[in-house]
């Protein structure tokens, strides 16, 4: 099936209240435009430079979707990221939150952020440790910053051949999400739990995810890419 057919099929299968963020890593502007034309509302990018190039090529189509930073955000890329993205899903420290807030203040932009949790405590992945007090401390600090708004939590989760193996990790993330939401932090809008990808989104949704990040299942296998 084509990219458009893949997207429209999966959009019909996934509940309407679950947002699909299409992971555009390594994809061409033409492929991104295809899914936008098919009705996609949210695009995720891993690299600021790649997102910038895609956005320049898309012209007015850029304004038809929300742009999510779903990769690790380096300090020296924050200024450019703020020009491109509507949501930064990968805040994993107080320092990063403060850096984003400081630069957002300079340009007068308020941006939504999610706290990234390394739910599997994997050495090769970013994100805060999956301990409630650590997430709570970061969430409370973000709620005091005026130019970033806490919108939810995000996790990659360990990748398994059998998506069922991801279930306990998603369940634990959902519990942390519920506990942070119950704090009713000022200036926070804790409505989004971003977890689940092409191989695990069904399990993630069953465990409470209302935002999934899909790439391969829509676009097909990625080309080899060196950044």
N, C-alpha and C. Protein backbone atom coordinates (compact mmCIF):
# COMPACT_ATOMS: atom_id res chain seq x y z
N UNK A 1 0.84 -1.20 0.00
CA UNK A 1 0.00 0.00 0.00
C UNK A 1 0.87 1.25 0.00
N UNK A 2 0.31 2.35 -0.41
CA UNK A 2 1.02 3.62 -0.44
C UNK A 2 1.09 4.21 0.96
N UNK A 3 1.89 5.26 1.11
CA UNK A 3 1.99 5.97 2.38
C UNK A 3 0.61 6.49 2.79
N UNK A 4 -0.09 7.07 1.85
CA UNK A 4 -1.43 7.62 2.14
C UNK A 4 -2.37 6.52 2.61
N UNK A 5 -2.37 5.39 1.91
CA UNK A 5 -3.24 4.27 2.29
C UNK A 5 -2.87 3.71 3.65
N UNK A 6 -1.57 3.60 3.92
CA UNK A 6 -1.11 3.12 5.22
C UNK A 6 -1.61 4.03 6.35
N UNK A 7 -1.45 5.33 6.14
CA UNK A 7 -1.86 6.28 7.18
C UNK A 7 -3.37 6.23 7.39
N UNK A 8 -4.12 6.28 6.32
CA UNK A 8 -5.58 6.31 6.45
C UNK A 8 -6.12 5.03 7.07
N UNK A 9 -5.49 3.90 6.77
CA UNK A 9 -5.90 2.62 7.36
C UNK A 9 -5.68 2.63 8.86
N UNK A 10 -4.48 3.04 9.28
CA UNK A 10 -4.17 3.01 10.71
C UNK A 10 -4.93 4.08 11.47
N UNK A 11 -5.22 5.20 10.81
CA UNK A 11 -6.00 6.25 11.46
C UNK A 11 -7.41 5.75 11.78
N UNK A 12 -7.96 4.93 10.90
CA UNK A 12 -9.30 4.36 11.14
C UNK A 12 -9.27 3.33 12.26
N UNK A 13 -8.13 2.66 12.41
CA UNK A 13 -8.03 1.59 13.41
C UNK A 13 -7.78 2.13 14.82
N UNK A 14 -7.13 3.27 14.90
CA UNK A 14 -6.77 3.84 16.20
C UNK A 14 -7.89 4.76 16.69
N UNK A 15 -8.24 4.68 17.96
CA UNK A 15 -9.32 5.55 18.50
C UNK A 15 -9.09 7.02 18.18
N UNK A 16 -10.16 7.74 17.97
CA UNK A 16 -10.09 9.15 17.57
C UNK A 16 -9.38 10.01 18.62
N UNK A 17 -9.47 9.60 19.89
CA UNK A 17 -8.87 10.42 20.94
C UNK A 17 -7.38 10.15 21.13
N UNK A 18 -6.81 9.31 20.28
CA UNK A 18 -5.37 9.04 20.31
C UNK A 18 -4.71 9.79 19.16
N UNK A 19 -3.80 10.68 19.49
CA UNK A 19 -3.08 11.46 18.48
C UNK A 19 -1.99 10.62 17.85
N UNK A 20 -1.88 10.66 16.54
CA UNK A 20 -0.79 9.99 15.83
C UNK A 20 0.26 11.03 15.46
N UNK A 21 1.46 10.87 16.00
CA UNK A 21 2.59 11.69 15.60
C UNK A 21 3.41 10.85 14.62
N UNK A 22 3.53 11.31 13.41
CA UNK A 22 4.27 10.56 12.40
C UNK A 22 5.75 10.91 12.47
N UNK A 23 6.57 9.92 12.74
CA UNK A 23 8.01 10.12 12.89
C UNK A 23 8.65 10.26 11.52
N UNK A 24 9.11 11.48 11.23
CA UNK A 24 9.59 11.78 9.89
C UNK A 24 11.07 11.59 9.67
N UNK A 25 11.76 10.96 10.61
CA UNK A 25 13.21 10.77 10.50
C UNK A 25 13.59 10.12 9.18
N UNK A 26 14.49 10.76 8.45
CA UNK A 26 15.05 10.33 7.16
C UNK A 26 14.05 10.43 6.00
N UNK A 27 12.83 10.90 6.26
CA UNK A 27 11.85 10.96 5.19
C UNK A 27 12.00 12.23 4.36
N UNK A 28 11.62 12.16 3.11
CA UNK A 28 11.76 13.28 2.20
C UNK A 28 10.60 14.26 2.39
N UNK A 29 10.77 15.51 1.95
CA UNK A 29 9.66 16.45 2.00
C UNK A 29 8.43 15.94 1.24
N UNK A 30 8.67 15.21 0.16
CA UNK A 30 7.55 14.68 -0.63
C UNK A 30 6.75 13.66 0.18
N UNK A 31 7.46 12.82 0.93
CA UNK A 31 6.78 11.82 1.75
C UNK A 31 6.01 12.48 2.90
N UNK A 32 6.60 13.50 3.50
CA UNK A 32 5.91 14.22 4.57
C UNK A 32 4.68 14.92 4.03
N UNK A 33 4.82 15.52 2.86
CA UNK A 33 3.66 16.21 2.24
C UNK A 33 2.54 15.21 1.93
N UNK A 34 2.92 14.00 1.54
CA UNK A 34 1.91 12.97 1.26
C UNK A 34 1.02 12.72 2.47
N UNK A 35 1.65 12.55 3.63
CA UNK A 35 0.83 12.24 4.81
C UNK A 35 0.06 13.46 5.30
N UNK A 36 0.62 14.65 5.10
CA UNK A 36 -0.13 15.86 5.45
C UNK A 36 -1.38 15.96 4.58
N UNK A 37 -1.21 15.70 3.29
CA UNK A 37 -2.35 15.73 2.38
C UNK A 37 -3.37 14.65 2.73
N UNK A 38 -2.89 13.56 3.34
CA UNK A 38 -3.78 12.45 3.72
C UNK A 38 -4.54 12.74 5.00
N UNK A 39 -4.18 13.84 5.67
CA UNK A 39 -4.90 14.21 6.89
C UNK A 39 -4.09 14.18 8.16
N UNK A 40 -2.79 13.90 8.06
CA UNK A 40 -1.95 13.88 9.26
C UNK A 40 -1.96 15.25 9.94
N UNK A 41 -1.99 15.23 11.26
CA UNK A 41 -2.07 16.47 12.04
C UNK A 41 -0.80 16.78 12.80
N UNK A 42 0.05 15.76 13.00
CA UNK A 42 1.23 15.94 13.85
C UNK A 42 2.42 15.20 13.24
N UNK A 43 3.55 15.91 13.15
CA UNK A 43 4.79 15.34 12.61
C UNK A 43 5.89 15.44 13.67
N UNK A 44 6.63 14.36 13.86
CA UNK A 44 7.74 14.35 14.80
C UNK A 44 9.06 14.26 14.07
N UNK A 45 10.04 14.99 14.55
CA UNK A 45 11.38 14.94 13.97
C UNK A 45 12.42 14.72 15.08
N UNK A 46 13.46 13.96 14.74
CA UNK A 46 14.52 13.67 15.72
C UNK A 46 15.63 14.69 15.72
N UNK A 47 15.83 15.35 14.59
CA UNK A 47 16.95 16.27 14.46
C UNK A 47 16.47 17.65 14.04
N UNK A 48 16.99 18.67 14.70
CA UNK A 48 16.59 20.04 14.41
C UNK A 48 16.94 20.41 12.98
N UNK A 49 18.15 20.09 12.55
CA UNK A 49 18.59 20.46 11.21
C UNK A 49 17.74 19.79 10.13
N UNK A 50 17.43 18.54 10.34
CA UNK A 50 16.60 17.82 9.38
C UNK A 50 15.20 18.42 9.33
N UNK A 51 14.66 18.77 10.50
CA UNK A 51 13.33 19.39 10.55
C UNK A 51 13.32 20.73 9.84
N UNK A 52 14.39 21.49 10.01
CA UNK A 52 14.49 22.80 9.36
C UNK A 52 14.47 22.65 7.84
N UNK A 53 15.21 21.68 7.34
CA UNK A 53 15.26 21.46 5.89
C UNK A 53 13.89 21.01 5.36
N UNK A 54 13.22 20.13 6.10
CA UNK A 54 11.89 19.67 5.69
C UNK A 54 10.91 20.84 5.65
N UNK A 55 10.94 21.66 6.70
CA UNK A 55 9.99 22.77 6.80
C UNK A 55 10.19 23.79 5.67
N UNK A 56 11.43 24.05 5.32
CA UNK A 56 11.71 24.98 4.22
C UNK A 56 11.14 24.45 2.91
N UNK A 57 11.19 23.15 2.74
CA UNK A 57 10.71 22.55 1.49
C UNK A 57 9.19 22.49 1.41
N UNK A 58 8.53 22.48 2.56
CA UNK A 58 7.08 22.29 2.58
C UNK A 58 6.29 23.56 2.33
N UNK A 59 6.92 24.71 2.51
CA UNK A 59 6.21 25.96 2.29
C UNK A 59 5.04 26.13 3.24
N UNK A 60 3.88 26.49 2.70
CA UNK A 60 2.70 26.75 3.52
C UNK A 60 2.15 25.50 4.22
N UNK A 61 2.54 24.33 3.74
CA UNK A 61 2.07 23.09 4.36
C UNK A 61 2.56 22.94 5.80
N UNK A 62 3.63 23.66 6.13
CA UNK A 62 4.18 23.61 7.49
C UNK A 62 3.11 23.99 8.51
N UNK A 63 2.28 24.93 8.16
CA UNK A 63 1.30 25.47 9.09
C UNK A 63 0.09 24.56 9.29
N UNK A 64 0.02 23.48 8.52
CA UNK A 64 -1.14 22.59 8.60
C UNK A 64 -1.01 21.50 9.65
N UNK A 65 0.16 21.41 10.28
CA UNK A 65 0.39 20.36 11.28
C UNK A 65 1.13 20.94 12.49
N UNK A 66 1.09 20.18 13.59
CA UNK A 66 1.90 20.50 14.77
C UNK A 66 3.21 19.74 14.66
N UNK A 67 4.30 20.42 15.03
CA UNK A 67 5.63 19.84 14.91
C UNK A 67 6.16 19.48 16.29
N UNK A 68 6.61 18.23 16.42
CA UNK A 68 7.09 17.70 17.70
C UNK A 68 8.57 17.35 17.61
N UNK A 69 9.34 17.83 18.57
CA UNK A 69 10.72 17.39 18.71
C UNK A 69 10.69 16.10 19.52
N UNK A 70 11.09 14.98 18.90
CA UNK A 70 11.02 13.69 19.58
C UNK A 70 12.40 13.06 19.78
N UNK A 71 13.45 13.80 19.39
CA UNK A 71 14.81 13.32 19.61
C UNK A 71 15.50 14.14 20.68
N UNK A 72 16.70 13.73 21.02
CA UNK A 72 17.48 14.45 22.03
C UNK A 72 17.78 15.87 21.55
N UNK A 73 17.51 16.84 22.40
CA UNK A 73 17.71 18.24 22.03
C UNK A 73 18.97 18.78 22.69
N UNK A 74 19.94 19.13 21.85
CA UNK A 74 21.19 19.69 22.36
C UNK A 74 21.01 21.17 22.68
N UNK A 75 21.76 21.64 23.66
CA UNK A 75 21.63 23.03 24.10
C UNK A 75 21.85 24.01 22.95
N UNK A 76 22.82 23.72 22.09
CA UNK A 76 23.12 24.66 21.00
C UNK A 76 22.10 24.62 19.88
N UNK A 77 21.09 23.77 20.00
CA UNK A 77 20.03 23.68 18.98
C UNK A 77 18.70 24.24 19.49
N UNK A 78 18.68 24.70 20.74
CA UNK A 78 17.41 25.14 21.33
C UNK A 78 16.80 26.32 20.58
N UNK A 79 17.61 27.32 20.27
CA UNK A 79 17.08 28.52 19.59
C UNK A 79 16.39 28.15 18.28
N UNK A 80 17.04 27.34 17.48
CA UNK A 80 16.46 26.94 16.20
C UNK A 80 15.23 26.06 16.42
N UNK A 81 15.30 25.17 17.43
CA UNK A 81 14.16 24.30 17.73
C UNK A 81 12.92 25.11 18.06
N UNK A 82 13.10 26.19 18.79
CA UNK A 82 11.96 27.02 19.18
C UNK A 82 11.31 27.69 17.98
N UNK A 83 12.07 27.90 16.93
CA UNK A 83 11.50 28.48 15.71
C UNK A 83 10.64 27.48 14.96
N UNK A 84 10.94 26.20 15.14
CA UNK A 84 10.31 25.16 14.32
C UNK A 84 9.18 24.44 15.04
N UNK A 85 9.43 24.03 16.29
CA UNK A 85 8.55 23.08 16.95
C UNK A 85 7.47 23.74 17.80
N UNK A 86 6.34 23.02 17.90
CA UNK A 86 5.24 23.41 18.77
C UNK A 86 5.32 22.68 20.10
N UNK A 87 5.94 21.51 20.08
CA UNK A 87 6.06 20.67 21.28
C UNK A 87 7.47 20.08 21.33
N UNK A 88 8.07 20.10 22.51
CA UNK A 88 9.35 19.42 22.73
C UNK A 88 9.06 18.27 23.70
N UNK A 89 9.17 17.03 23.20
CA UNK A 89 8.78 15.87 23.99
C UNK A 89 9.90 15.30 24.85
N UNK A 90 11.08 15.88 24.78
CA UNK A 90 12.25 15.20 25.35
C UNK A 90 12.97 16.01 26.43
N UNK A 91 12.22 16.64 27.31
CA UNK A 91 12.84 17.35 28.43
C UNK A 91 13.16 16.33 29.52
N UNK A 92 14.42 16.25 29.89
CA UNK A 92 14.83 15.21 30.84
C UNK A 92 15.69 15.73 31.99
N UNK A 93 15.69 17.04 32.20
CA UNK A 93 16.43 17.60 33.32
C UNK A 93 15.94 19.01 33.62
N UNK A 94 16.15 19.44 34.85
CA UNK A 94 15.80 20.81 35.22
C UNK A 94 16.63 21.79 34.39
N UNK A 95 17.90 21.47 34.18
CA UNK A 95 18.77 22.35 33.41
C UNK A 95 18.23 22.55 32.00
N UNK A 96 17.80 21.48 31.36
CA UNK A 96 17.28 21.61 30.00
C UNK A 96 15.99 22.43 30.01
N UNK A 97 15.13 22.19 30.98
CA UNK A 97 13.89 22.96 31.07
C UNK A 97 14.19 24.44 31.23
N UNK A 98 15.15 24.77 32.08
CA UNK A 98 15.49 26.17 32.31
C UNK A 98 16.12 26.80 31.08
N UNK A 99 16.95 26.04 30.36
CA UNK A 99 17.56 26.55 29.14
C UNK A 99 16.50 26.85 28.08
N UNK A 100 15.53 25.95 27.92
CA UNK A 100 14.46 26.17 26.95
C UNK A 100 13.64 27.38 27.35
N UNK A 101 13.32 27.48 28.63
CA UNK A 101 12.52 28.60 29.12
C UNK A 101 13.22 29.94 28.89
N UNK A 102 14.51 29.98 29.15
CA UNK A 102 15.28 31.22 28.99
C UNK A 102 15.26 31.69 27.55
N UNK A 103 15.45 30.76 26.63
CA UNK A 103 15.49 31.12 25.22
C UNK A 103 14.09 31.41 24.67
N UNK A 104 13.10 30.72 25.20
CA UNK A 104 11.73 31.00 24.79
C UNK A 104 11.31 32.40 25.24
N UNK A 105 11.76 32.80 26.41
CA UNK A 105 11.45 34.15 26.91
C UNK A 105 12.01 35.22 25.98
N UNK A 106 13.20 34.98 25.45
CA UNK A 106 13.85 35.96 24.57
C UNK A 106 13.02 36.25 23.33
N UNK A 107 12.31 35.23 22.84
CA UNK A 107 11.54 35.44 21.61
C UNK A 107 10.04 35.57 21.90
N UNK A 108 9.69 35.54 23.17
CA UNK A 108 8.30 35.72 23.55
C UNK A 108 7.39 34.58 23.14
N UNK A 109 7.91 33.36 23.17
CA UNK A 109 7.12 32.20 22.78
C UNK A 109 6.93 31.27 23.96
N UNK A 110 5.70 30.82 24.17
CA UNK A 110 5.43 29.81 25.18
C UNK A 110 5.30 28.46 24.46
N UNK A 111 6.06 27.47 24.91
CA UNK A 111 6.06 26.19 24.21
C UNK A 111 5.70 25.05 25.16
N UNK A 112 4.96 24.09 24.63
CA UNK A 112 4.57 22.91 25.40
C UNK A 112 5.73 21.92 25.44
N UNK A 113 5.95 21.33 26.61
CA UNK A 113 7.00 20.32 26.76
C UNK A 113 6.43 19.09 27.46
N UNK A 114 7.05 17.94 27.18
CA UNK A 114 6.76 16.71 27.91
C UNK A 114 8.03 16.28 28.63
N UNK A 115 7.87 15.64 29.75
CA UNK A 115 9.01 15.04 30.44
C UNK A 115 9.25 13.65 29.86
N UNK A 116 10.48 13.41 29.43
CA UNK A 116 10.82 12.09 28.89
C UNK A 116 11.31 11.19 30.03
N UNK A 117 10.70 10.02 30.15
CA UNK A 117 11.07 9.06 31.18
C UNK A 117 11.76 7.86 30.54
N UNK A 118 12.92 7.52 31.06
CA UNK A 118 13.65 6.32 30.61
C UNK A 118 13.11 5.15 31.43
N UNK A 119 11.94 4.68 31.05
CA UNK A 119 11.19 3.75 31.88
C UNK A 119 11.91 2.41 32.05
N UNK A 120 12.77 2.06 31.10
CA UNK A 120 13.51 0.82 31.21
C UNK A 120 14.88 0.97 31.82
N UNK A 121 15.22 2.20 32.25
CA UNK A 121 16.55 2.50 32.82
C UNK A 121 17.66 1.99 31.91
N UNK A 122 17.52 2.25 30.61
CA UNK A 122 18.50 1.77 29.63
C UNK A 122 19.64 2.77 29.49
N UNK A 123 20.85 2.26 29.53
CA UNK A 123 22.04 3.12 29.48
C UNK A 123 22.14 3.90 28.19
N UNK A 124 21.62 3.34 27.11
CA UNK A 124 21.76 3.97 25.79
C UNK A 124 20.66 4.97 25.47
N UNK A 125 19.71 5.15 26.37
CA UNK A 125 18.59 6.03 26.10
C UNK A 125 18.56 7.21 27.06
N UNK A 126 18.03 8.33 26.55
CA UNK A 126 17.87 9.52 27.38
C UNK A 126 16.60 9.40 28.21
N UNK A 127 16.38 10.40 29.05
CA UNK A 127 15.18 10.41 29.87
C UNK A 127 15.52 10.35 31.35
N UNK A 128 14.62 10.85 32.18
CA UNK A 128 14.84 10.80 33.62
C UNK A 128 14.62 9.38 34.13
N UNK A 129 15.21 9.08 35.27
CA UNK A 129 15.02 7.77 35.86
C UNK A 129 13.55 7.58 36.22
N UNK A 130 13.05 6.35 36.11
CA UNK A 130 11.63 6.09 36.34
C UNK A 130 11.29 6.02 37.83
N UNK A 131 11.69 7.03 38.54
CA UNK A 131 11.39 7.12 39.97
C UNK A 131 10.49 8.32 40.20
N UNK A 132 9.40 8.11 40.88
CA UNK A 132 8.38 9.14 40.99
C UNK A 132 8.92 10.46 41.53
N UNK A 133 9.73 10.41 42.57
CA UNK A 133 10.18 11.66 43.18
C UNK A 133 11.03 12.49 42.23
N UNK A 134 11.75 11.83 41.31
CA UNK A 134 12.56 12.55 40.33
C UNK A 134 11.65 13.24 39.31
N UNK A 135 10.66 12.52 38.82
CA UNK A 135 9.72 13.10 37.86
C UNK A 135 8.92 14.22 38.52
N UNK A 136 8.51 14.01 39.75
CA UNK A 136 7.75 15.02 40.48
C UNK A 136 8.55 16.31 40.64
N UNK A 137 9.82 16.17 41.00
CA UNK A 137 10.67 17.34 41.20
C UNK A 137 10.80 18.15 39.91
N UNK A 138 11.01 17.46 38.78
CA UNK A 138 11.14 18.13 37.49
C UNK A 138 9.81 18.78 37.09
N UNK A 139 8.72 18.08 37.30
CA UNK A 139 7.40 18.62 36.94
C UNK A 139 7.10 19.88 37.74
N UNK A 140 7.40 19.85 39.02
CA UNK A 140 7.15 21.02 39.86
C UNK A 140 8.00 22.21 39.43
N UNK A 141 9.25 21.95 39.04
CA UNK A 141 10.10 23.04 38.58
C UNK A 141 9.58 23.62 37.28
N UNK A 142 9.19 22.77 36.36
CA UNK A 142 8.66 23.26 35.08
C UNK A 142 7.43 24.13 35.30
N UNK A 143 6.61 23.77 36.27
CA UNK A 143 5.37 24.51 36.51
C UNK A 143 5.63 25.93 37.01
N UNK A 144 6.87 26.22 37.42
CA UNK A 144 7.20 27.57 37.88
C UNK A 144 7.79 28.43 36.76
N UNK A 145 8.07 27.81 35.62
CA UNK A 145 8.68 28.53 34.50
C UNK A 145 7.59 29.09 33.60
N UNK A 146 7.73 30.34 33.20
CA UNK A 146 6.63 31.04 32.54
C UNK A 146 6.53 30.82 31.04
N UNK A 147 7.60 30.33 30.42
CA UNK A 147 7.56 30.23 28.95
C UNK A 147 7.55 28.79 28.45
N UNK A 148 7.48 27.84 29.35
CA UNK A 148 7.23 26.46 28.95
C UNK A 148 6.07 25.93 29.77
N UNK A 149 5.25 25.11 29.13
CA UNK A 149 4.06 24.56 29.79
C UNK A 149 4.14 23.04 29.75
N UNK A 150 4.03 22.43 30.92
CA UNK A 150 4.07 20.98 30.99
C UNK A 150 2.78 20.40 30.42
N UNK A 151 2.93 19.59 29.36
CA UNK A 151 1.76 19.03 28.71
C UNK A 151 1.59 17.53 28.91
N UNK A 152 2.61 16.87 29.48
CA UNK A 152 2.47 15.43 29.67
C UNK A 152 3.80 14.74 29.84
N UNK A 153 3.78 13.43 29.66
CA UNK A 153 4.97 12.59 29.76
C UNK A 153 5.17 11.83 28.45
N UNK A 154 6.43 11.46 28.21
CA UNK A 154 6.78 10.66 27.03
C UNK A 154 7.77 9.57 27.45
N UNK A 155 7.64 8.41 26.83
CA UNK A 155 8.66 7.38 27.02
C UNK A 155 8.87 6.63 25.72
N UNK A 156 10.10 6.21 25.51
CA UNK A 156 10.40 5.32 24.39
C UNK A 156 10.02 3.89 24.78
N UNK A 157 10.41 3.49 25.97
CA UNK A 157 10.18 2.12 26.41
C UNK A 157 11.16 1.18 25.76
N UNK A 158 11.54 0.12 26.45
CA UNK A 158 12.44 -0.87 25.84
C UNK A 158 11.80 -1.48 24.60
N UNK A 159 12.62 -1.78 23.62
CA UNK A 159 12.10 -2.37 22.38
C UNK A 159 12.23 -3.89 22.45
N UNK A 160 11.12 -4.58 22.29
CA UNK A 160 11.11 -6.04 22.34
C UNK A 160 10.54 -6.58 21.04
N UNK A 161 10.92 -7.82 20.71
CA UNK A 161 10.33 -8.48 19.56
C UNK A 161 8.85 -8.71 19.78
N UNK A 162 8.50 -9.08 21.02
CA UNK A 162 7.10 -9.28 21.39
C UNK A 162 6.61 -8.04 22.11
N UNK A 163 5.69 -7.29 21.50
CA UNK A 163 5.23 -6.04 22.13
C UNK A 163 4.59 -6.25 23.50
N UNK A 164 4.11 -7.46 23.77
CA UNK A 164 3.53 -7.73 25.09
C UNK A 164 4.55 -7.52 26.21
N UNK A 165 5.82 -7.69 25.89
CA UNK A 165 6.86 -7.51 26.89
C UNK A 165 6.98 -6.05 27.31
N UNK A 166 6.43 -5.14 26.50
CA UNK A 166 6.47 -3.72 26.82
C UNK A 166 5.37 -3.31 27.81
N UNK A 167 4.39 -4.16 27.97
CA UNK A 167 3.20 -3.80 28.75
C UNK A 167 3.51 -3.32 30.17
N UNK A 168 4.33 -4.02 30.96
CA UNK A 168 4.59 -3.53 32.33
C UNK A 168 5.28 -2.17 32.37
N UNK A 169 6.09 -1.87 31.36
CA UNK A 169 6.77 -0.57 31.31
C UNK A 169 5.77 0.54 30.99
N UNK A 170 4.87 0.28 30.07
CA UNK A 170 3.84 1.26 29.75
C UNK A 170 2.91 1.46 30.95
N UNK A 171 2.61 0.37 31.63
CA UNK A 171 1.71 0.46 32.79
C UNK A 171 2.34 1.32 33.89
N UNK A 172 3.64 1.13 34.10
CA UNK A 172 4.33 1.92 35.12
C UNK A 172 4.37 3.40 34.74
N UNK A 173 4.60 3.68 33.45
CA UNK A 173 4.61 5.07 32.99
C UNK A 173 3.24 5.70 33.20
N UNK A 174 2.18 4.95 32.91
CA UNK A 174 0.82 5.47 33.10
C UNK A 174 0.57 5.80 34.58
N UNK A 175 1.09 4.99 35.48
CA UNK A 175 0.89 5.26 36.91
C UNK A 175 1.59 6.55 37.32
N UNK A 176 2.82 6.74 36.82
CA UNK A 176 3.54 7.98 37.11
C UNK A 176 2.77 9.16 36.53
N UNK A 177 2.26 9.00 35.32
CA UNK A 177 1.46 10.05 34.68
C UNK A 177 0.26 10.43 35.54
N UNK A 178 -0.47 9.41 36.01
CA UNK A 178 -1.64 9.67 36.84
C UNK A 178 -1.28 10.42 38.12
N UNK A 179 -0.16 10.02 38.72
CA UNK A 179 0.25 10.65 39.98
C UNK A 179 0.67 12.10 39.78
N UNK A 180 1.37 12.37 38.67
CA UNK A 180 1.77 13.76 38.39
C UNK A 180 0.53 14.60 38.05
N UNK A 181 -0.37 14.04 37.29
CA UNK A 181 -1.59 14.77 36.93
C UNK A 181 -2.40 15.11 38.18
N UNK A 182 -2.41 14.21 39.15
CA UNK A 182 -3.18 14.42 40.37
C UNK A 182 -2.64 15.56 41.23
N UNK A 183 -1.42 16.01 40.94
CA UNK A 183 -0.85 17.13 41.69
C UNK A 183 -1.54 18.45 41.35
N UNK A 184 -2.17 18.50 40.18
CA UNK A 184 -2.83 19.72 39.70
C UNK A 184 -1.87 20.92 39.78
N UNK A 185 -0.72 20.73 39.17
CA UNK A 185 0.31 21.77 39.21
C UNK A 185 -0.16 23.03 38.49
N UNK A 186 0.19 24.20 39.01
CA UNK A 186 -0.20 25.45 38.34
C UNK A 186 0.47 25.57 36.98
N UNK A 187 -0.28 26.11 36.02
CA UNK A 187 0.23 26.35 34.67
C UNK A 187 0.67 25.08 33.96
N UNK A 188 0.19 23.93 34.42
CA UNK A 188 0.46 22.67 33.72
C UNK A 188 -0.83 22.19 33.07
N UNK A 189 -0.68 21.44 31.99
CA UNK A 189 -1.83 20.91 31.27
C UNK A 189 -1.54 19.44 30.99
N UNK A 190 -1.54 18.65 32.06
CA UNK A 190 -1.10 17.26 31.99
C UNK A 190 -2.15 16.36 31.34
N UNK A 191 -2.26 16.47 30.03
CA UNK A 191 -3.28 15.71 29.32
C UNK A 191 -2.71 14.66 28.36
N UNK A 192 -1.41 14.66 28.14
CA UNK A 192 -0.86 13.80 27.09
C UNK A 192 0.12 12.78 27.64
N UNK A 193 -0.10 11.53 27.27
CA UNK A 193 0.84 10.45 27.57
C UNK A 193 1.30 9.88 26.25
N UNK A 194 2.52 10.22 25.87
CA UNK A 194 3.08 9.85 24.56
C UNK A 194 3.94 8.59 24.72
N UNK A 195 3.38 7.47 24.31
CA UNK A 195 4.15 6.20 24.36
C UNK A 195 3.56 5.22 23.37
N UNK A 196 4.45 4.41 22.81
CA UNK A 196 4.05 3.44 21.81
C UNK A 196 4.53 3.84 20.43
N UNK A 197 5.18 2.90 19.75
CA UNK A 197 5.66 3.13 18.38
C UNK A 197 5.13 2.02 17.47
N UNK A 198 5.69 1.92 16.28
CA UNK A 198 5.11 1.04 15.27
C UNK A 198 4.92 -0.40 15.75
N UNK A 199 5.86 -0.91 16.55
CA UNK A 199 5.77 -2.31 16.96
C UNK A 199 5.00 -2.50 18.27
N UNK A 200 4.66 -1.39 18.95
CA UNK A 200 4.09 -1.54 20.30
C UNK A 200 2.88 -0.64 20.57
N UNK A 201 2.41 0.08 19.56
CA UNK A 201 1.38 1.09 19.82
C UNK A 201 0.06 0.50 20.31
N UNK A 202 -0.28 -0.70 19.87
CA UNK A 202 -1.54 -1.30 20.31
C UNK A 202 -1.52 -1.57 21.81
N UNK A 203 -0.43 -2.12 22.30
CA UNK A 203 -0.28 -2.38 23.73
C UNK A 203 -0.25 -1.07 24.51
N UNK A 204 0.47 -0.08 23.96
CA UNK A 204 0.57 1.23 24.63
C UNK A 204 -0.81 1.87 24.79
N UNK A 205 -1.63 1.79 23.76
CA UNK A 205 -2.98 2.37 23.83
C UNK A 205 -3.81 1.64 24.88
N UNK A 206 -3.68 0.33 24.92
CA UNK A 206 -4.41 -0.45 25.93
C UNK A 206 -4.00 -0.05 27.34
N UNK A 207 -2.76 0.40 27.48
CA UNK A 207 -2.26 0.78 28.80
C UNK A 207 -2.40 2.28 29.09
N UNK A 208 -3.11 3.01 28.23
CA UNK A 208 -3.44 4.38 28.55
C UNK A 208 -2.80 5.46 27.71
N UNK A 209 -2.00 5.09 26.72
CA UNK A 209 -1.40 6.10 25.86
C UNK A 209 -2.47 6.82 25.04
N UNK A 210 -2.34 8.14 24.93
CA UNK A 210 -3.24 8.88 24.03
C UNK A 210 -2.46 9.63 22.96
N UNK A 211 -1.20 9.23 22.80
CA UNK A 211 -0.38 9.74 21.69
C UNK A 211 0.64 8.67 21.34
N UNK A 212 0.66 8.27 20.06
CA UNK A 212 1.63 7.27 19.61
C UNK A 212 2.50 7.88 18.52
N UNK A 213 3.73 7.40 18.43
CA UNK A 213 4.69 7.92 17.46
C UNK A 213 4.99 6.81 16.45
N UNK A 214 4.49 6.98 15.24
CA UNK A 214 4.57 5.92 14.24
C UNK A 214 5.42 6.34 13.06
N UNK A 215 6.29 5.44 12.64
CA UNK A 215 7.13 5.70 11.48
C UNK A 215 7.05 4.58 10.46
N UNK A 216 7.70 3.47 10.76
CA UNK A 216 7.82 2.35 9.83
C UNK A 216 6.47 1.84 9.33
N UNK A 217 5.50 1.75 10.22
CA UNK A 217 4.22 1.16 9.85
C UNK A 217 3.48 2.02 8.82
N UNK A 218 3.85 3.30 8.74
CA UNK A 218 3.23 4.20 7.76
C UNK A 218 4.13 4.42 6.55
N UNK A 219 5.40 4.72 6.82
CA UNK A 219 6.33 5.09 5.74
C UNK A 219 7.06 3.91 5.13
N UNK A 220 7.08 2.77 5.84
CA UNK A 220 7.90 1.64 5.39
C UNK A 220 9.25 1.67 6.08
N UNK A 221 10.08 0.70 5.78
CA UNK A 221 11.40 0.61 6.41
C UNK A 221 12.25 1.81 6.06
N UNK A 222 13.05 2.28 7.04
CA UNK A 222 13.90 3.44 6.82
C UNK A 222 15.12 3.10 5.98
N UNK A 223 15.57 4.10 5.26
CA UNK A 223 16.85 3.97 4.58
C UNK A 223 17.96 4.10 5.61
N UNK A 224 19.11 3.56 5.29
CA UNK A 224 20.27 3.73 6.16
C UNK A 224 20.59 5.22 6.21
N UNK A 225 20.79 5.76 7.41
CA UNK A 225 20.96 7.21 7.54
C UNK A 225 22.09 7.52 8.53
N UNK A 226 22.96 8.39 8.14
CA UNK A 226 24.07 8.78 9.01
C UNK A 226 23.94 10.26 9.30
N UNK A 227 23.93 10.62 10.58
CA UNK A 227 23.77 12.03 10.98
C UNK A 227 25.03 12.50 11.65
